[in-house]
């Protein structure tokens, strides 16, 4: 009785293998690289290998995320709102608000006392503040994406970033570097600008604690720190925030077995 959840995002694709006792047997994260079908198949078989189970052992497969409708071997597709809500609530059962910042969109999800989605807000019209935005900024700064959080913690002063449009922000960052501003100060300014944007989004659903952050950007300690400072709260971060959507999909797959 094995269930598999797949989360096919614009930048990364994840798989979670769950047994009948809701134990996570394995999970895999891989870059989508513009090929949803291939990425989904890769993480599916790799996750089965890691869990030491065969395809014949799998009772149900549910897909979510940006590319969910392209996965023919999934038995069911579910929205990422529902899957992130289920995954976050499973990991942190008291959760009332979820901040999900993925590759190309941002979401705020409000849960009721039973873990059901009560309200949500989504910004999918602009990539500002998302994983893709941070990739562009890291490249413009000549630093690794994974180093952004550590570098921002070394900032001595805040440099306000006036534009959150990916193209204009990249140009502004390049100009600030040319003017002699330190990378740490600029990156800290970027993180604070992202936090401002997310807080504005969350106001539309009346944020309530406890709060969980999911998605790849949750691995950036600078963004998390900026959000905690703006909201004046402690944010719960899963051990692997990128696999929460796939976990929710696996939980739904198990439910419908």
Protein backbone atom coordinates (compact mmCIF):
# COMPACT_ATOMS: atom_id res chain seq x y z
CA UNK A 1 0.00 0.00 0.00
CA UNK A 2 2.36 2.67 -1.29
CA UNK A 3 1.29 6.19 -2.30
CA UNK A 4 3.38 8.61 -4.36
CA UNK A 5 2.98 12.37 -4.61
CA UNK A 6 4.55 14.39 -7.41
CA UNK A 7 4.96 18.18 -7.43
CA UNK A 8 5.96 19.43 -10.86
CA UNK A 9 7.07 23.04 -10.53
CA UNK A 10 8.48 25.47 -13.07
CA UNK A 11 12.00 25.20 -11.63
CA UNK A 12 12.04 21.94 -9.66
CA UNK A 13 10.11 18.68 -9.47
CA UNK A 14 9.67 16.62 -6.30
CA UNK A 15 8.43 13.14 -5.42
CA UNK A 16 7.45 11.72 -2.02
CA UNK A 17 6.83 8.03 -1.29
CA UNK A 18 4.47 7.32 1.60
CA UNK A 19 3.53 3.98 3.17
CA UNK A 20 0.15 3.01 4.66
CA UNK A 21 1.24 4.29 8.10
CA UNK A 22 1.96 7.79 6.71
CA UNK A 23 5.69 7.25 7.03
CA UNK A 24 7.81 9.06 4.45
CA UNK A 25 9.94 6.33 2.87
CA UNK A 26 11.82 8.65 0.53
CA UNK A 27 11.74 11.95 -1.33
CA UNK A 28 13.61 13.27 -4.35
CA UNK A 29 14.10 16.81 -5.69
CA UNK A 30 15.31 17.50 -9.23
CA UNK A 31 15.44 20.50 -11.58
CA UNK A 32 12.55 20.49 -14.05
CA UNK A 33 14.69 22.02 -16.83
CA UNK A 34 11.68 22.77 -19.01
CA UNK A 35 10.64 19.11 -19.37
CA UNK A 36 7.82 18.27 -16.95
CA UNK A 37 7.26 14.71 -18.18
CA UNK A 38 10.91 13.69 -18.04
CA UNK A 39 11.48 15.33 -14.63
CA UNK A 40 8.37 13.63 -13.19
CA UNK A 41 9.43 10.21 -14.47
CA UNK A 42 12.96 10.68 -13.15
CA UNK A 43 11.92 11.65 -9.61
CA UNK A 44 9.22 8.95 -9.57
CA UNK A 45 11.61 6.08 -10.32
CA UNK A 46 14.44 7.53 -8.25
CA UNK A 47 12.15 7.90 -5.23
CA UNK A 48 10.99 4.28 -5.61
CA UNK A 49 14.61 3.12 -5.74
CA UNK A 50 15.46 5.10 -2.60
CA UNK A 51 12.41 3.65 -0.82
CA UNK A 52 13.32 0.15 -2.03
CA UNK A 53 9.90 -0.49 -3.53
CA UNK A 54 8.83 -1.34 -7.08
CA UNK A 55 6.31 0.32 -9.39
CA UNK A 56 4.00 -2.66 -8.81
CA UNK A 57 3.90 -1.80 -5.09
CA UNK A 58 2.42 1.65 -5.81
CA UNK A 59 -1.33 1.83 -5.25
CA UNK A 60 -1.91 5.45 -6.21
CA UNK A 61 -0.11 8.46 -7.69
CA UNK A 62 -1.26 12.09 -7.39
CA UNK A 63 0.34 15.01 -9.21
CA UNK A 64 0.27 18.70 -8.30
CA UNK A 65 2.04 21.88 -9.34
CA UNK A 66 2.61 23.85 -12.51
CA UNK A 67 3.00 20.79 -14.78
CA UNK A 68 0.54 18.41 -13.14
CA UNK A 69 -1.73 18.06 -16.20
CA UNK A 70 1.16 16.73 -18.30
CA UNK A 71 1.78 13.63 -16.16
CA UNK A 72 -0.16 10.80 -17.81
CA UNK A 73 0.80 8.12 -15.27
CA UNK A 74 -0.71 10.06 -12.33
CA UNK A 75 -4.14 8.78 -11.31
CA UNK A 76 -5.33 12.19 -10.13
CA UNK A 77 -4.30 15.86 -10.20
CA UNK A 78 -4.84 18.31 -7.32
CA UNK A 79 -4.09 22.04 -6.95
CA UNK A 80 -0.90 23.05 -5.16
CA UNK A 81 -2.96 25.12 -2.68
CA UNK A 82 -4.61 21.97 -1.33
CA UNK A 83 -1.38 19.96 -1.38
CA UNK A 84 0.75 22.55 0.42
CA UNK A 85 -1.99 22.95 3.03
CA UNK A 86 -2.12 19.19 3.68
CA UNK A 87 1.66 18.80 3.70
CA UNK A 88 2.27 21.72 6.06
CA UNK A 89 -0.53 20.66 8.42
CA UNK A 90 0.86 17.11 8.49
CA UNK A 91 4.31 18.38 9.52
CA UNK A 92 3.05 21.12 11.87
CA UNK A 93 -0.49 20.17 13.06
CA UNK A 94 -1.22 23.58 14.64
CA UNK A 95 -0.56 25.50 11.40
CA UNK A 96 -2.96 28.35 10.59
CA UNK A 97 -1.07 30.23 7.85
CA UNK A 98 1.27 29.02 5.11
CA UNK A 99 3.69 31.16 3.11
CA UNK A 100 4.72 29.36 -0.06
CA UNK A 101 7.30 30.97 -2.32
CA UNK A 102 8.15 28.79 -5.28
CA UNK A 103 10.00 29.15 -8.53
CA UNK A 104 7.67 31.63 -10.19
CA UNK A 105 4.82 32.49 -7.82
CA UNK A 106 4.00 33.31 -4.20
CA UNK A 107 1.03 32.14 -2.14
CA UNK A 108 -0.52 32.82 1.23
CA UNK A 109 -2.84 30.07 2.54
CA UNK A 110 -5.10 30.38 5.59
CA UNK A 111 -6.23 27.20 7.37
CA UNK A 112 -9.10 26.65 9.77
CA UNK A 113 -8.72 24.76 13.04
CA UNK A 114 -9.11 21.43 11.23
CA UNK A 115 -6.39 22.09 8.68
CA UNK A 116 -8.79 22.84 5.83
CA UNK A 117 -8.14 25.71 3.42
CA UNK A 118 -10.23 28.67 4.60
CA UNK A 119 -8.78 31.29 2.26
CA UNK A 120 -5.80 31.89 0.02
CA UNK A 121 -4.14 34.56 -2.05
CA UNK A 122 -1.76 34.02 -4.93
CA UNK A 123 0.59 36.18 -6.96
CA UNK A 124 1.29 34.38 -10.23
CA UNK A 125 1.39 37.43 -12.51
CA UNK A 126 4.94 38.48 -11.65
CA UNK A 127 8.06 36.54 -10.66
CA UNK A 128 9.28 39.25 -8.26
CA UNK A 129 10.49 37.75 -4.99
CA UNK A 130 10.31 34.15 -6.24
CA UNK A 131 13.03 31.57 -6.73
CA UNK A 132 13.57 32.68 -10.30
CA UNK A 133 13.93 36.30 -9.17
CA UNK A 134 16.58 35.31 -6.62
CA UNK A 135 18.42 33.24 -9.25
CA UNK A 136 18.67 36.32 -11.49
CA UNK A 137 19.86 38.52 -8.60
CA UNK A 138 22.48 35.94 -7.52
CA UNK A 139 23.79 35.76 -11.07
CA UNK A 140 23.95 39.56 -11.33
CA UNK A 141 25.88 39.68 -8.04
CA UNK A 142 28.26 36.92 -9.07
CA UNK A 143 27.38 34.76 -6.03
CA UNK A 144 25.84 31.33 -5.51
CA UNK A 145 22.09 31.23 -4.92
CA UNK A 146 22.70 29.15 -1.78
CA UNK A 147 24.99 31.84 -0.35
CA UNK A 148 22.45 34.70 -0.43
CA UNK A 149 21.13 34.08 3.08
CA UNK A 150 24.56 33.86 4.67
CA UNK A 151 25.78 36.99 2.89
CA UNK A 152 22.75 39.06 3.91
CA UNK A 153 23.46 38.27 7.58
CA UNK A 154 26.77 40.15 7.22
CA UNK A 155 25.05 43.38 6.18
CA UNK A 156 26.01 46.55 8.10
CA UNK A 157 23.34 48.84 6.64
CA UNK A 158 20.12 48.49 4.72
CA UNK A 159 20.09 49.62 1.10
CA UNK A 160 16.48 50.07 -0.08
CA UNK A 161 15.70 48.46 -3.43
CA UNK A 162 13.26 50.63 -5.36
CA UNK A 163 12.11 48.09 -7.97
CA UNK A 164 10.96 44.50 -7.58
CA UNK A 165 10.53 43.93 -11.31
CA UNK A 166 13.09 41.23 -12.14
CA UNK A 167 14.59 43.15 -15.06
CA UNK A 168 14.72 46.54 -13.30
CA UNK A 169 15.93 45.03 -10.00
CA UNK A 170 18.80 43.31 -11.82
CA UNK A 171 19.78 46.61 -13.42
CA UNK A 172 19.54 48.40 -10.06
CA UNK A 173 21.73 45.78 -8.37
CA UNK A 174 24.39 46.10 -11.08
CA UNK A 175 24.37 49.90 -10.62
CA UNK A 176 24.69 49.60 -6.83
CA UNK A 177 27.67 47.26 -7.19
CA UNK A 178 29.31 49.74 -9.59
CA UNK A 179 28.74 52.53 -7.03
CA UNK A 180 30.67 50.56 -4.41
CA UNK A 181 27.84 49.21 -2.25
CA UNK A 182 28.71 45.91 -0.57
CA UNK A 183 27.08 42.74 -1.80
CA UNK A 184 25.87 41.92 1.72
CA UNK A 185 24.03 45.24 2.04
CA UNK A 186 22.46 44.93 -1.41
CA UNK A 187 21.31 41.34 -0.81
CA UNK A 188 19.86 42.33 2.57
CA UNK A 189 17.94 45.10 0.79
CA UNK A 190 16.61 42.58 -1.72
CA UNK A 191 15.46 40.27 1.08
CA UNK A 192 13.71 43.12 2.90
CA UNK A 193 11.97 44.14 -0.34
CA UNK A 194 10.76 40.55 -0.82
CA UNK A 195 9.47 40.49 2.76
CA UNK A 196 7.56 43.75 2.21
CA UNK A 197 5.93 42.28 -0.88
CA UNK A 198 4.93 39.04 0.87
CA UNK A 199 3.57 40.87 3.94
CA UNK A 200 1.38 43.00 1.65
CA UNK A 201 0.09 39.81 0.03
CA UNK A 202 -0.61 38.17 3.41
CA UNK A 203 -2.64 41.12 4.66
CA UNK A 204 -5.38 40.03 2.27
CA UNK A 205 -5.94 36.80 4.24
CA UNK A 206 -5.40 38.13 7.78
CA UNK A 207 -2.30 36.19 8.83
CA UNK A 208 -2.63 34.05 11.95
CA UNK A 209 -0.04 32.05 13.90
CA UNK A 210 1.45 29.45 13.83
CA UNK A 211 2.98 30.17 10.42
CA UNK A 212 4.81 27.67 8.19
CA UNK A 213 6.92 28.57 5.17
CA UNK A 214 7.22 26.14 2.27
CA UNK A 215 8.90 26.19 -1.14
CA UNK A 216 12.53 26.55 -2.17
CA UNK A 217 12.86 30.17 -0.99
CA UNK A 218 12.28 28.93 2.59
CA UNK A 219 15.87 27.63 2.40
CA UNK A 220 17.08 31.24 2.19
CA UNK A 221 17.68 32.24 5.81
CA UNK A 222 17.84 35.91 4.80
CA UNK A 223 14.30 35.94 3.39
CA UNK A 224 13.00 34.00 6.42
CA UNK A 225 14.73 36.41 8.81
CA UNK A 226 13.34 39.44 6.95
CA UNK A 227 9.81 38.01 7.08
CA UNK A 228 10.09 37.22 10.78
CA UNK A 229 11.27 40.79 11.47
CA UNK A 230 8.45 42.32 9.43
CA UNK A 231 5.73 40.10 10.89
CA UNK A 232 7.29 39.98 14.40
CA UNK A 233 6.66 36.24 14.62
CA UNK A 234 8.58 32.97 14.50
CA UNK A 235 8.13 31.02 11.25
CA UNK A 236 8.26 27.22 11.22
CA UNK A 237 10.47 25.81 8.45
CA UNK A 238 10.19 22.12 7.47
CA UNK A 239 13.38 20.09 7.36
CA UNK A 240 12.96 20.03 3.57
CA UNK A 241 10.54 22.83 2.58
CA UNK A 242 10.66 21.96 -1.12
CA UNK A 243 8.93 18.59 -0.71
CA UNK A 244 5.82 19.81 1.18
CA UNK A 245 3.62 20.01 -1.93
CA UNK A 246 4.62 16.49 -3.02
CA UNK A 247 3.97 15.28 0.54
CA UNK A 248 0.46 16.72 0.40
CA UNK A 249 -0.09 15.02 -2.96
CA UNK A 250 1.08 11.69 -1.46
CA UNK A 251 -1.33 12.12 1.47
CA UNK A 252 -4.19 12.65 -0.99
CA UNK A 253 -3.03 9.63 -3.01
CA UNK A 254 -3.20 7.53 0.16
CA UNK A 255 -6.65 8.89 0.99
CA UNK A 256 -8.01 7.74 -2.39
CA UNK A 257 -6.37 4.32 -2.43
